[in-house]
């Protein structure tokens, strides 16, 4: 997974194809719980979808500009356009997997 920052966000996300961005924080327990599963998904589907993660610590303005107001948040982009936003404490890896399969 590619680590995003405010410096490389546009270059990594505004590309041809589908990009999934995992917005997370060390203080978000659910984010930490989901991380191993998200990494497995990146290994399984990484040839078809670009997987990135953004620690919102130090990048809050960027997250807010992307309309990410709560964690965990998984946002899908295609050709630089925001497509779908999955969020909330109830977010499960099955929800993420299902959305990935929709964009394959």
PDB file of N, CA and C in Angstrom:
ATOM      1  N   UNK A   1       0.843  -1.191   0.000  1.00  0.00           N
ATOM      2  CA  UNK A   1       0.000   0.000   0.000  1.00  0.00           C
ATOM      3  C   UNK A   1       0.878   1.240   0.000  1.00  0.00           C
ATOM      4  N   UNK A   2       0.438   2.220  -0.729  1.00  0.00           N
ATOM      5  CA  UNK A   2       1.193   3.471  -0.831  1.00  0.00           C
ATOM      6  C   UNK A   2       0.773   4.397   0.299  1.00  0.00           C
ATOM      7  N   UNK A   3       1.764   4.921   1.017  1.00  0.00           N
ATOM      8  CA  UNK A   3       1.508   5.903   2.080  1.00  0.00           C
ATOM      9  C   UNK A   3       1.289   7.259   1.430  1.00  0.00           C
ATOM     10  N   UNK A   4       0.123   7.838   1.653  1.00  0.00           N
ATOM     11  CA  UNK A   4      -0.177   9.152   1.097  1.00  0.00           C
ATOM     12  C   UNK A   4       0.125  10.250   2.109  1.00  0.00           C
ATOM     13  N   UNK A   5       0.482  11.399   1.571  1.00  0.00           N
ATOM     14  CA  UNK A   5       0.652  12.622   2.355  1.00  0.00           C
ATOM     15  C   UNK A   5       0.006  13.742   1.546  1.00  0.00           C
ATOM     16  N   UNK A   6      -0.054  14.909   2.126  1.00  0.00           N
ATOM     17  CA  UNK A   6      -0.613  16.030   1.362  1.00  0.00           C
ATOM     18  C   UNK A   6       0.263  16.349   0.150  1.00  0.00           C
ATOM     19  N   UNK A   7       1.532  15.964   0.207  1.00  0.00           N
ATOM     20  CA  UNK A   7       2.447  16.254  -0.898  1.00  0.00           C
ATOM     21  C   UNK A   7       2.268  15.328  -2.100  1.00  0.00           C
ATOM     22  N   UNK A   8       1.903  14.058  -1.855  1.00  0.00           N
ATOM     23  CA  UNK A   8       1.794  13.128  -2.985  1.00  0.00           C
ATOM     24  C   UNK A   8       0.357  12.698  -3.290  1.00  0.00           C
ATOM     25  N   UNK A   9      -0.618  13.197  -2.535  1.00  0.00           N
ATOM     26  CA  UNK A   9      -1.998  12.756  -2.683  1.00  0.00           C
ATOM     27  C   UNK A   9      -2.497  12.910  -4.120  1.00  0.00           C
ATOM     28  N   UNK A  10      -2.418  14.112  -4.675  1.00  0.00           N
ATOM     29  CA  UNK A  10      -2.946  14.358  -6.021  1.00  0.00           C
ATOM     30  C   UNK A  10      -2.258  13.479  -7.065  1.00  0.00           C
ATOM     31  N   UNK A  11      -0.948  13.346  -6.973  1.00  0.00           N
ATOM     32  CA  UNK A  11      -0.210  12.555  -7.962  1.00  0.00           C
ATOM     33  C   UNK A  11      -0.591  11.082  -7.904  1.00  0.00           C
ATOM     34  N   UNK A  12      -0.892  10.578  -6.722  1.00  0.00           N
ATOM     35  CA  UNK A  12      -1.219   9.152  -6.575  1.00  0.00           C
ATOM     36  C   UNK A  12      -2.689   8.842  -6.840  1.00  0.00           C
ATOM     37  N   UNK A  13      -3.582   9.776  -6.537  1.00  0.00           N
ATOM     38  CA  UNK A  13      -5.024   9.510  -6.641  1.00  0.00           C
ATOM     39  C   UNK A  13      -5.599   9.949  -7.985  1.00  0.00           C
ATOM     40  N   UNK A  14      -5.095  11.024  -8.546  1.00  0.00           N
ATOM     41  CA  UNK A  14      -5.629  11.545  -9.815  1.00  0.00           C
ATOM     42  C   UNK A  14      -4.961  10.846 -10.995  1.00  0.00           C
ATOM     43  N   UNK A  15      -5.261   9.548 -11.127  1.00  0.00           N
ATOM     44  CA  UNK A  15      -4.682   8.729 -12.192  1.00  0.00           C
ATOM     45  C   UNK A  15      -5.816   8.035 -12.945  1.00  0.00           C
ATOM     46  N   UNK A  16      -5.492   7.451 -14.086  1.00  0.00           N
ATOM     47  CA  UNK A  16      -6.463   6.618 -14.789  1.00  0.00           C
ATOM     48  C   UNK A  16      -6.624   5.325 -14.003  1.00  0.00           C
ATOM     49  N   UNK A  17      -7.858   4.918 -13.784  1.00  0.00           N
ATOM     50  CA  UNK A  17      -8.100   3.686 -13.049  1.00  0.00           C
ATOM     51  C   UNK A  17      -8.704   3.947 -11.682  1.00  0.00           C
ATOM     52  N   UNK A  18      -8.864   2.858 -10.940  1.00  0.00           N
ATOM     53  CA  UNK A  18      -9.503   2.913  -9.624  1.00  0.00           C
ATOM     54  C   UNK A  18      -8.447   2.954  -8.527  1.00  0.00           C
ATOM     55  N   UNK A  19      -8.670   3.844  -7.567  1.00  0.00           N
ATOM     56  CA  UNK A  19      -7.786   3.988  -6.408  1.00  0.00           C
ATOM     57  C   UNK A  19      -8.644   3.888  -5.150  1.00  0.00           C
ATOM     58  N   UNK A  20      -8.199   3.080  -4.199  1.00  0.00           N
ATOM     59  CA  UNK A  20      -8.862   2.993  -2.898  1.00  0.00           C
ATOM     60  C   UNK A  20      -7.955   3.651  -1.862  1.00  0.00           C
ATOM     61  N   UNK A  21      -8.516   4.579  -1.092  1.00  0.00           N
ATOM     62  CA  UNK A  21      -7.748   5.251  -0.046  1.00  0.00           C
ATOM     63  C   UNK A  21      -8.360   4.905   1.310  1.00  0.00           C
ATOM     64  N   UNK A  22      -7.515   4.368   2.189  1.00  0.00           N
ATOM     65  CA  UNK A  22      -7.894   4.034   3.561  1.00  0.00           C
ATOM     66  C   UNK A  22      -7.451   5.212   4.440  1.00  0.00           C
ATOM     67  N   UNK A  23      -8.417   5.987   4.916  1.00  0.00           N
ATOM     68  CA  UNK A  23      -8.139   7.095   5.834  1.00  0.00           C
ATOM     69  C   UNK A  23      -8.162   6.521   7.248  1.00  0.00           C
ATOM     70  N   UNK A  24      -7.094   6.741   8.011  1.00  0.00           N
ATOM     71  CA  UNK A  24      -6.995   6.131   9.324  1.00  0.00           C
ATOM     72  C   UNK A  24      -6.219   7.024  10.287  1.00  0.00           C
ATOM     73  N   UNK A  25      -6.172   6.594  11.548  1.00  0.00           N
ATOM     74  CA  UNK A  25      -5.420   7.294  12.580  1.00  0.00           C
ATOM     75  C   UNK A  25      -5.035   6.286  13.661  1.00  0.00           C
ATOM     76  N   UNK A  26      -3.916   6.529  14.323  1.00  0.00           N
ATOM     77  CA  UNK A  26      -3.487   5.647  15.415  1.00  0.00           C
ATOM     78  C   UNK A  26      -4.517   5.601  16.539  1.00  0.00           C
ATOM     79  N   UNK A  27      -5.280   6.668  16.699  1.00  0.00           N
ATOM     80  CA  UNK A  27      -6.256   6.727  17.789  1.00  0.00           C
ATOM     81  C   UNK A  27      -7.592   6.068  17.430  1.00  0.00           C
ATOM     82  N   UNK A  28      -7.720   5.572  16.211  1.00  0.00           N
ATOM     83  CA  UNK A  28      -8.960   4.928  15.756  1.00  0.00           C
ATOM     84  C   UNK A  28      -8.793   3.408  15.892  1.00  0.00           C
ATOM     85  N   UNK A  29      -9.400   2.844  16.942  1.00  0.00           N
ATOM     86  CA  UNK A  29      -9.257   1.410  17.189  1.00  0.00           C
ATOM     87  C   UNK A  29      -9.795   0.575  16.037  1.00  0.00           C
ATOM     88  N   UNK A  30     -10.939   0.965  15.490  1.00  0.00           N
ATOM     89  CA  UNK A  30     -11.526   0.201  14.385  1.00  0.00           C
ATOM     90  C   UNK A  30     -10.622   0.254  13.155  1.00  0.00           C
ATOM     91  N   UNK A  31      -9.965   1.379  12.933  1.00  0.00           N
ATOM     92  CA  UNK A  31      -9.020   1.497  11.812  1.00  0.00           C
ATOM     93  C   UNK A  31      -7.894   0.474  11.959  1.00  0.00           C
ATOM     94  N   UNK A  32      -7.359   0.381  13.167  1.00  0.00           N
ATOM     95  CA  UNK A  32      -6.254  -0.536  13.445  1.00  0.00           C
ATOM     96  C   UNK A  32      -6.716  -1.986  13.282  1.00  0.00           C
ATOM     97  N   UNK A  33      -7.950  -2.282  13.716  1.00  0.00           N
ATOM     98  CA  UNK A  33      -8.491  -3.636  13.568  1.00  0.00           C
ATOM     99  C   UNK A  33      -8.638  -4.019  12.094  1.00  0.00           C
ATOM    100  N   UNK A  34      -9.064  -3.072  11.255  1.00  0.00           N
ATOM    101  CA  UNK A  34      -9.285  -3.344   9.833  1.00  0.00           C
ATOM    102  C   UNK A  34      -7.998  -3.420   9.023  1.00  0.00           C
ATOM    103  N   UNK A  35      -6.933  -2.780   9.500  1.00  0.00           N
ATOM    104  CA  UNK A  35      -5.703  -2.638   8.714  1.00  0.00           C
ATOM    105  C   UNK A  35      -5.156  -3.967   8.165  1.00  0.00           C
ATOM    106  N   UNK A  36      -5.049  -5.046   8.969  1.00  0.00           N
ATOM    107  CA  UNK A  36      -4.513  -6.296   8.395  1.00  0.00           C
ATOM    108  C   UNK A  36      -5.376  -6.831   7.241  1.00  0.00           C
ATOM    109  N   UNK A  37      -6.694  -6.702   7.370  1.00  0.00           N
ATOM    110  CA  UNK A  37      -7.581  -7.166   6.306  1.00  0.00           C
ATOM    111  C   UNK A  37      -7.441  -6.300   5.057  1.00  0.00           C
ATOM    112  N   UNK A  38      -7.287  -5.008   5.244  1.00  0.00           N
ATOM    113  CA  UNK A  38      -7.119  -4.104   4.097  1.00  0.00           C
ATOM    114  C   UNK A  38      -5.799  -4.414   3.387  1.00  0.00           C
ATOM    115  N   UNK A  39      -4.769  -4.725   4.153  1.00  0.00           N
ATOM    116  CA  UNK A  39      -3.476  -5.089   3.551  1.00  0.00           C
ATOM    117  C   UNK A  39      -3.623  -6.379   2.742  1.00  0.00           C
ATOM    118  N   UNK A  40      -4.374  -7.356   3.273  1.00  0.00           N
ATOM    119  CA  UNK A  40      -4.622  -8.600   2.525  1.00  0.00           C
ATOM    120  C   UNK A  40      -5.363  -8.307   1.224  1.00  0.00           C
ATOM    121  N   UNK A  41      -6.347  -7.421   1.281  1.00  0.00           N
ATOM    122  CA  UNK A  41      -7.079  -7.050   0.067  1.00  0.00           C
ATOM    123  C   UNK A  41      -6.137  -6.407  -0.955  1.00  0.00           C
ATOM    124  N   UNK A  42      -5.211  -5.591  -0.476  1.00  0.00           N
ATOM    125  CA  UNK A  42      -4.265  -4.938  -1.393  1.00  0.00           C
ATOM    126  C   UNK A  42      -3.378  -5.981  -2.063  1.00  0.00           C
ATOM    127  N   UNK A  43      -3.040  -7.045  -1.318  1.00  0.00           N
ATOM    128  CA  UNK A  43      -2.220  -8.106  -1.900  1.00  0.00           C
ATOM    129  C   UNK A  43      -3.024  -8.916  -2.923  1.00  0.00           C
ATOM    130  N   UNK A  44      -4.320  -9.099  -2.648  1.00  0.00           N
ATOM    131  CA  UNK A  44      -5.168  -9.901  -3.532  1.00  0.00           C
ATOM    132  C   UNK A  44      -5.594  -9.145  -4.788  1.00  0.00           C
ATOM    133  N   UNK A  45      -5.927  -7.866  -4.641  1.00  0.00           N
ATOM    134  CA  UNK A  45      -6.482  -7.093  -5.759  1.00  0.00           C
ATOM    135  C   UNK A  45      -5.564  -5.976  -6.249  1.00  0.00           C
ATOM    136  N   UNK A  46      -4.342  -5.942  -5.753  1.00  0.00           N
ATOM    137  CA  UNK A  46      -3.413  -4.855  -6.065  1.00  0.00           C
ATOM    138  C   UNK A  46      -3.031  -4.717  -7.521  1.00  0.00           C
ATOM    139  N   UNK A  47      -3.239  -5.782  -8.309  1.00  0.00           N
ATOM    140  CA  UNK A  47      -2.943  -5.696  -9.743  1.00  0.00           C
ATOM    141  C   UNK A  47      -4.030  -4.920 -10.485  1.00  0.00           C
ATOM    142  N   UNK A  48      -5.242  -4.860  -9.877  1.00  0.00           N
ATOM    143  CA  UNK A  48      -6.378  -4.260 -10.569  1.00  0.00           C
ATOM    144  C   UNK A  48      -6.783  -2.896 -10.013  1.00  0.00           C
ATOM    145  N   UNK A  49      -6.502  -2.690  -8.732  1.00  0.00           N
ATOM    146  CA  UNK A  49      -6.857  -1.444  -8.055  1.00  0.00           C
ATOM    147  C   UNK A  49      -5.634  -0.956  -7.291  1.00  0.00           C
ATOM    148  N   UNK A  50      -5.421   0.343  -7.304  1.00  0.00           N
ATOM    149  CA  UNK A  50      -4.313   0.930  -6.548  1.00  0.00           C
ATOM    150  C   UNK A  50      -4.777   1.148  -5.110  1.00  0.00           C
ATOM    151  N   UNK A  51      -4.022   0.644  -4.149  1.00  0.00           N
ATOM    152  CA  UNK A  51      -4.355   0.756  -2.734  1.00  0.00           C
ATOM    153  C   UNK A  51      -3.430   1.759  -2.058  1.00  0.00           C
ATOM    154  N   UNK A  52      -4.053   2.711  -1.344  1.00  0.00           N
ATOM    155  CA  UNK A  52      -3.301   3.739  -0.639  1.00  0.00           C
ATOM    156  C   UNK A  52      -3.874   3.899   0.766  1.00  0.00           C
ATOM    157  N   UNK A  53      -3.069   4.469   1.644  1.00  0.00           N
ATOM    158  CA  UNK A  53      -3.575   4.788   2.980  1.00  0.00           C
ATOM    159  C   UNK A  53      -3.065   6.163   3.376  1.00  0.00           C
ATOM    160  N   UNK A  54      -3.900   6.869   4.137  1.00  0.00           N
ATOM    161  CA  UNK A  54      -3.567   8.218   4.575  1.00  0.00           C
ATOM    162  C   UNK A  54      -3.828   8.327   6.065  1.00  0.00           C
ATOM    163  N   UNK A  55      -2.760   8.508   6.833  1.00  0.00           N
ATOM    164  CA  UNK A  55      -2.894   8.779   8.259  1.00  0.00           C
ATOM    165  C   UNK A  55      -3.316  10.244   8.377  1.00  0.00           C
ATOM    166  N   UNK A  56      -4.495  10.469   8.941  1.00  0.00           N
ATOM    167  CA  UNK A  56      -5.002  11.845   8.958  1.00  0.00           C
ATOM    168  C   UNK A  56      -4.227  12.745   9.913  1.00  0.00           C
ATOM    169  N   UNK A  57      -3.409  12.155  10.782  1.00  0.00           N
ATOM    170  CA  UNK A  57      -2.581  12.980  11.663  1.00  0.00           C
ATOM    171  C   UNK A  57      -1.637  13.802  10.778  1.00  0.00           C
ATOM    172  N   UNK A  58      -1.763  15.098  10.847  1.00  0.00           N
ATOM    173  CA  UNK A  58      -0.955  15.973  10.004  1.00  0.00           C
ATOM    174  C   UNK A  58      -1.575  16.236   8.640  1.00  0.00           C
ATOM    175  N   UNK A  59      -2.695  15.563   8.353  1.00  0.00           N
ATOM    176  CA  UNK A  59      -3.351  15.738   7.055  1.00  0.00           C
ATOM    177  C   UNK A  59      -4.852  15.956   7.221  1.00  0.00           C
ATOM    178  N   UNK A  60      -5.241  16.536   8.330  1.00  0.00           N
ATOM    179  CA  UNK A  60      -6.674  16.741   8.601  1.00  0.00           C
ATOM    180  C   UNK A  60      -7.357  17.605   7.550  1.00  0.00           C
ATOM    181  N   UNK A  61      -6.688  18.658   7.122  1.00  0.00           N
ATOM    182  CA  UNK A  61      -7.300  19.538   6.117  1.00  0.00           C
ATOM    183  C   UNK A  61      -7.542  18.796   4.816  1.00  0.00           C
ATOM    184  N   UNK A  62      -6.578  17.952   4.443  1.00  0.00           N
ATOM    185  CA  UNK A  62      -6.739  17.143   3.234  1.00  0.00           C
ATOM    186  C   UNK A  62      -7.924  16.198   3.387  1.00  0.00           C
ATOM    187  N   UNK A  63      -8.018  15.528   4.534  1.00  0.00           N
ATOM    188  CA  UNK A  63      -9.142  14.614   4.779  1.00  0.00           C
ATOM    189  C   UNK A  63     -10.469  15.374   4.721  1.00  0.00           C
ATOM    190  N   UNK A  64     -10.520  16.538   5.337  1.00  0.00           N
ATOM    191  CA  UNK A  64     -11.752  17.329   5.328  1.00  0.00           C
ATOM    192  C   UNK A  64     -12.100  17.794   3.916  1.00  0.00           C
ATOM    193  N   UNK A  65     -11.086  18.144   3.134  1.00  0.00           N
ATOM    194  CA  UNK A  65     -11.323  18.553   1.749  1.00  0.00           C
ATOM    195  C   UNK A  65     -11.899  17.400   0.924  1.00  0.00           C
ATOM    196  N   UNK A  66     -11.594  16.173   1.343  1.00  0.00           N
ATOM    197  CA  UNK A  66     -12.127  14.984   0.675  1.00  0.00           C
ATOM    198  C   UNK A  66     -13.444  14.528   1.311  1.00  0.00           C
ATOM    199  N   UNK A  67     -13.988  15.365   2.199  1.00  0.00           N
ATOM    200  CA  UNK A  67     -15.254  15.102   2.895  1.00  0.00           C
ATOM    201  C   UNK A  67     -15.191  13.879   3.812  1.00  0.00           C
ATOM    202  N   UNK A  68     -13.993  13.616   4.339  1.00  0.00           N
ATOM    203  CA  UNK A  68     -13.821  12.544   5.313  1.00  0.00           C
ATOM    204  C   UNK A  68     -13.910  13.178   6.691  1.00  0.00           C
ATOM    205  N   UNK A  69     -15.039  12.940   7.356  1.00  0.00           N
ATOM    206  CA  UNK A  69     -15.288  13.560   8.656  1.00  0.00           C
ATOM    207  C   UNK A  69     -15.234  12.555   9.807  1.00  0.00           C
ATOM    208  N   UNK A  70     -15.229  11.264   9.483  1.00  0.00           N
ATOM    209  CA  UNK A  70     -15.189  10.250  10.519  1.00  0.00           C
ATOM    210  C   UNK A  70     -14.310   9.091  10.094  1.00  0.00           C
ATOM    211  N   UNK A  71     -13.860   8.332  11.082  1.00  0.00           N
ATOM    212  CA  UNK A  71     -13.008   7.174  10.813  1.00  0.00           C
ATOM    213  C   UNK A  71     -13.654   5.930  11.389  1.00  0.00           C
ATOM    214  N   UNK A  72     -13.356   4.768  10.814  1.00  0.00           N
ATOM    215  CA  UNK A  72     -12.561   4.578   9.598  1.00  0.00           C
ATOM    216  C   UNK A  72     -13.323   5.035   8.356  1.00  0.00           C
ATOM    217  N   UNK A  73     -12.579   5.404   7.342  1.00  0.00           N
ATOM    218  CA  UNK A  73     -13.172   5.787   6.059  1.00  0.00           C
ATOM    219  C   UNK A  73     -12.361   5.171   4.929  1.00  0.00           C
ATOM    220  N   UNK A  74     -13.068   4.544   4.019  1.00  0.00           N
ATOM    221  CA  UNK A  74     -12.477   3.995   2.801  1.00  0.00           C
ATOM    222  C   UNK A  74     -13.153   4.721   1.649  1.00  0.00           C
ATOM    223  N   UNK A  75     -12.355   5.381   0.811  1.00  0.00           N
ATOM    224  CA  UNK A  75     -12.917   6.140  -0.300  1.00  0.00           C
ATOM    225  C   UNK A  75     -12.338   5.595  -1.604  1.00  0.00           C
ATOM    226  N   UNK A  76     -13.233   5.379  -2.562  1.00  0.00           N
ATOM    227  CA  UNK A  76     -12.840   4.904  -3.885  1.00  0.00           C
ATOM    228  C   UNK A  76     -12.899   6.059  -4.873  1.00  0.00           C
ATOM    229  N   UNK A  77     -11.867   6.132  -5.712  1.00  0.00           N
ATOM    230  CA  UNK A  77     -11.776   7.149  -6.757  1.00  0.00           C
ATOM    231  C   UNK A  77     -11.562   6.433  -8.092  1.00  0.00           C
ATOM    232  N   UNK A  78     -12.087   7.015  -9.153  1.00  0.00           N
ATOM    233  CA  UNK A  78     -11.803   6.503 -10.495  1.00  0.00           C
ATOM    234  C   UNK A  78     -11.494   7.688 -11.380  1.00  0.00           C
ATOM    235  N   UNK A  79     -10.335   7.623 -12.019  1.00  0.00           N
ATOM    236  CA  UNK A  79      -9.857   8.713 -12.875  1.00  0.00           C
ATOM    237  C   UNK A  79      -9.864  10.043 -12.113  1.00  0.00           C
ATOM    238  N   UNK A  80      -9.546   9.979 -10.824  1.00  0.00           N
ATOM    239  CA  UNK A  80      -9.469  11.170  -9.989  1.00  0.00           C
ATOM    240  C   UNK A  80     -10.789  11.623  -9.401  1.00  0.00           C
ATOM    241  N   UNK A  81     -11.900  10.999  -9.817  1.00  0.00           N
ATOM    242  CA  UNK A  81     -13.231  11.377  -9.326  1.00  0.00           C
ATOM    243  C   UNK A  81     -13.629  10.476  -8.157  1.00  0.00           C
ATOM    244  N   UNK A  82     -14.138  11.082  -7.127  1.00  0.00           N
ATOM    245  CA  UNK A  82     -14.600  10.331  -5.964  1.00  0.00           C
ATOM    246  C   UNK A  82     -15.863   9.548  -6.335  1.00  0.00           C
ATOM    247  N   UNK A  83     -15.838   8.235  -6.101  1.00  0.00           N
ATOM    248  CA  UNK A  83     -16.954   7.373  -6.469  1.00  0.00           C
ATOM    249  C   UNK A  83     -17.814   6.967  -5.283  1.00  0.00           C
ATOM    250  N   UNK A  84     -17.154   6.504  -4.233  1.00  0.00           N
ATOM    251  CA  UNK A  84     -17.889   5.914  -3.123  1.00  0.00           C
ATOM    252  C   UNK A  84     -17.106   6.093  -1.834  1.00  0.00           C
ATOM    253  N   UNK A  85     -17.864   6.254  -0.732  1.00  0.00           N
ATOM    254  CA  UNK A  85     -17.261   6.485   0.575  1.00  0.00           C
ATOM    255  C   UNK A  85     -17.894   5.516   1.573  1.00  0.00           C
ATOM    256  N   UNK A  86     -17.088   4.612   2.101  1.00  0.00           N
ATOM    257  CA  UNK A  86     -17.532   3.692   3.143  1.00  0.00           C
ATOM    258  C   UNK A  86     -16.977   4.197   4.461  1.00  0.00           C
ATOM    259  N   UNK A  87     -17.822   4.245   5.497  1.00  0.00           N
ATOM    260  CA  UNK A  87     -17.346   4.811   6.755  1.00  0.00           C
ATOM    261  C   UNK A  87     -18.161   4.290   7.927  1.00  0.00           C
ATOM    262  N   UNK A  88     -17.578   4.405   9.114  1.00  0.00           N
ATOM    263  CA  UNK A  88     -18.305   4.113  10.335  1.00  0.00           C
ATOM    264  C   UNK A  88     -17.733   2.945  11.117  1.00  0.00           C
ATOM    265  N   UNK A  89     -18.047   2.931  12.391  1.00  0.00           N
ATOM    266  CA  UNK A  89     -17.574   1.884  13.297  1.00  0.00           C
ATOM    267  C   UNK A  89     -18.044   0.502  12.868  1.00  0.00           C
ATOM    268  N   UNK A  90     -19.184   0.425  12.163  1.00  0.00           N
ATOM    269  CA  UNK A  90     -19.739  -0.865  11.759  1.00  0.00           C
ATOM    270  C   UNK A  90     -19.122  -1.381  10.466  1.00  0.00           C
ATOM    271  N   UNK A  91     -18.202  -0.626   9.873  1.00  0.00           N
ATOM    272  CA  UNK A  91     -17.584  -1.024   8.610  1.00  0.00           C
ATOM    273  C   UNK A  91     -16.886  -2.372   8.775  1.00  0.00           C
ATOM    274  N   UNK A  92     -17.199  -3.296   7.870  1.00  0.00           N
ATOM    275  CA  UNK A  92     -16.610  -4.632   7.897  1.00  0.00           C
ATOM    276  C   UNK A  92     -15.805  -4.867   6.622  1.00  0.00           C
ATOM    277  N   UNK A  93     -14.862  -5.786   6.700  1.00  0.00           N
ATOM    278  CA  UNK A  93     -14.027  -6.095   5.544  1.00  0.00           C
ATOM    279  C   UNK A  93     -14.878  -6.607   4.382  1.00  0.00           C
ATOM    280  N   UNK A  94     -15.994  -7.262   4.667  1.00  0.00           N
ATOM    281  CA  UNK A  94     -16.881  -7.748   3.612  1.00  0.00           C
ATOM    282  C   UNK A  94     -17.461  -6.582   2.803  1.00  0.00           C
ATOM    283  N   UNK A  95     -17.748  -5.469   3.474  1.00  0.00           N
ATOM    284  CA  UNK A  95     -18.257  -4.276   2.777  1.00  0.00           C
ATOM    285  C   UNK A  95     -17.205  -3.744   1.807  1.00  0.00           C
ATOM    286  N   UNK A  96     -15.964  -3.720   2.265  1.00  0.00           N
ATOM    287  CA  UNK A  96     -14.865  -3.216   1.433  1.00  0.00           C
ATOM    288  C   UNK A  96     -14.647  -4.154   0.243  1.00  0.00           C
ATOM    289  N   UNK A  97     -14.637  -5.462   0.522  1.00  0.00           N
ATOM    290  CA  UNK A  97     -14.425  -6.460  -0.537  1.00  0.00           C
ATOM    291  C   UNK A  97     -15.505  -6.358  -1.605  1.00  0.00           C
ATOM    292  N   UNK A  98     -16.741  -6.248  -1.176  1.00  0.00           N
ATOM    293  CA  UNK A  98     -17.868  -6.141  -2.105  1.00  0.00           C
ATOM    294  C   UNK A  98     -17.727  -4.912  -2.995  1.00  0.00           C
ATOM    295  N   UNK A  99     -17.330  -3.804  -2.408  1.00  0.00           N
ATOM    296  CA  UNK A  99     -17.154  -2.571  -3.192  1.00  0.00           C
ATOM    297  C   UNK A  99     -16.005  -2.710  -4.175  1.00  0.00           C
ATOM    298  N   UNK A 100     -14.911  -3.328  -3.738  1.00  0.00           N
ATOM    299  CA  UNK A 100     -13.780  -3.556  -4.644  1.00  0.00           C
ATOM    300  C   UNK A 100     -14.255  -4.356  -5.853  1.00  0.00           C
ATOM    301  N   UNK A 101     -15.003  -5.425  -5.602  1.00  0.00           N
ATOM    302  CA  UNK A 101     -15.461  -6.282  -6.697  1.00  0.00           C
ATOM    303  C   UNK A 101     -16.365  -5.529  -7.676  1.00  0.00           C
ATOM    304  N   UNK A 102     -17.095  -4.535  -7.181  1.00  0.00           N
ATOM    305  CA  UNK A 102     -17.938  -3.715  -8.054  1.00  0.00           C
ATOM    306  C   UNK A 102     -17.119  -2.939  -9.064  1.00  0.00           C
ATOM    307  N   UNK A 103     -15.881  -2.590  -8.724  1.00  0.00           N
ATOM    308  CA  UNK A 103     -15.050  -1.750  -9.581  1.00  0.00           C
ATOM    309  C   UNK A 103     -14.034  -2.524 -10.403  1.00  0.00           C
ATOM    310  N   UNK A 104     -14.066  -3.849 -10.314  1.00  0.00           N
ATOM    311  CA  UNK A 104     -13.115  -4.657 -11.110  1.00  0.00           C
ATOM    312  C   UNK A 104     -13.574  -4.757 -12.554  1.00  0.00           C
TER     313      UNK A 104
END
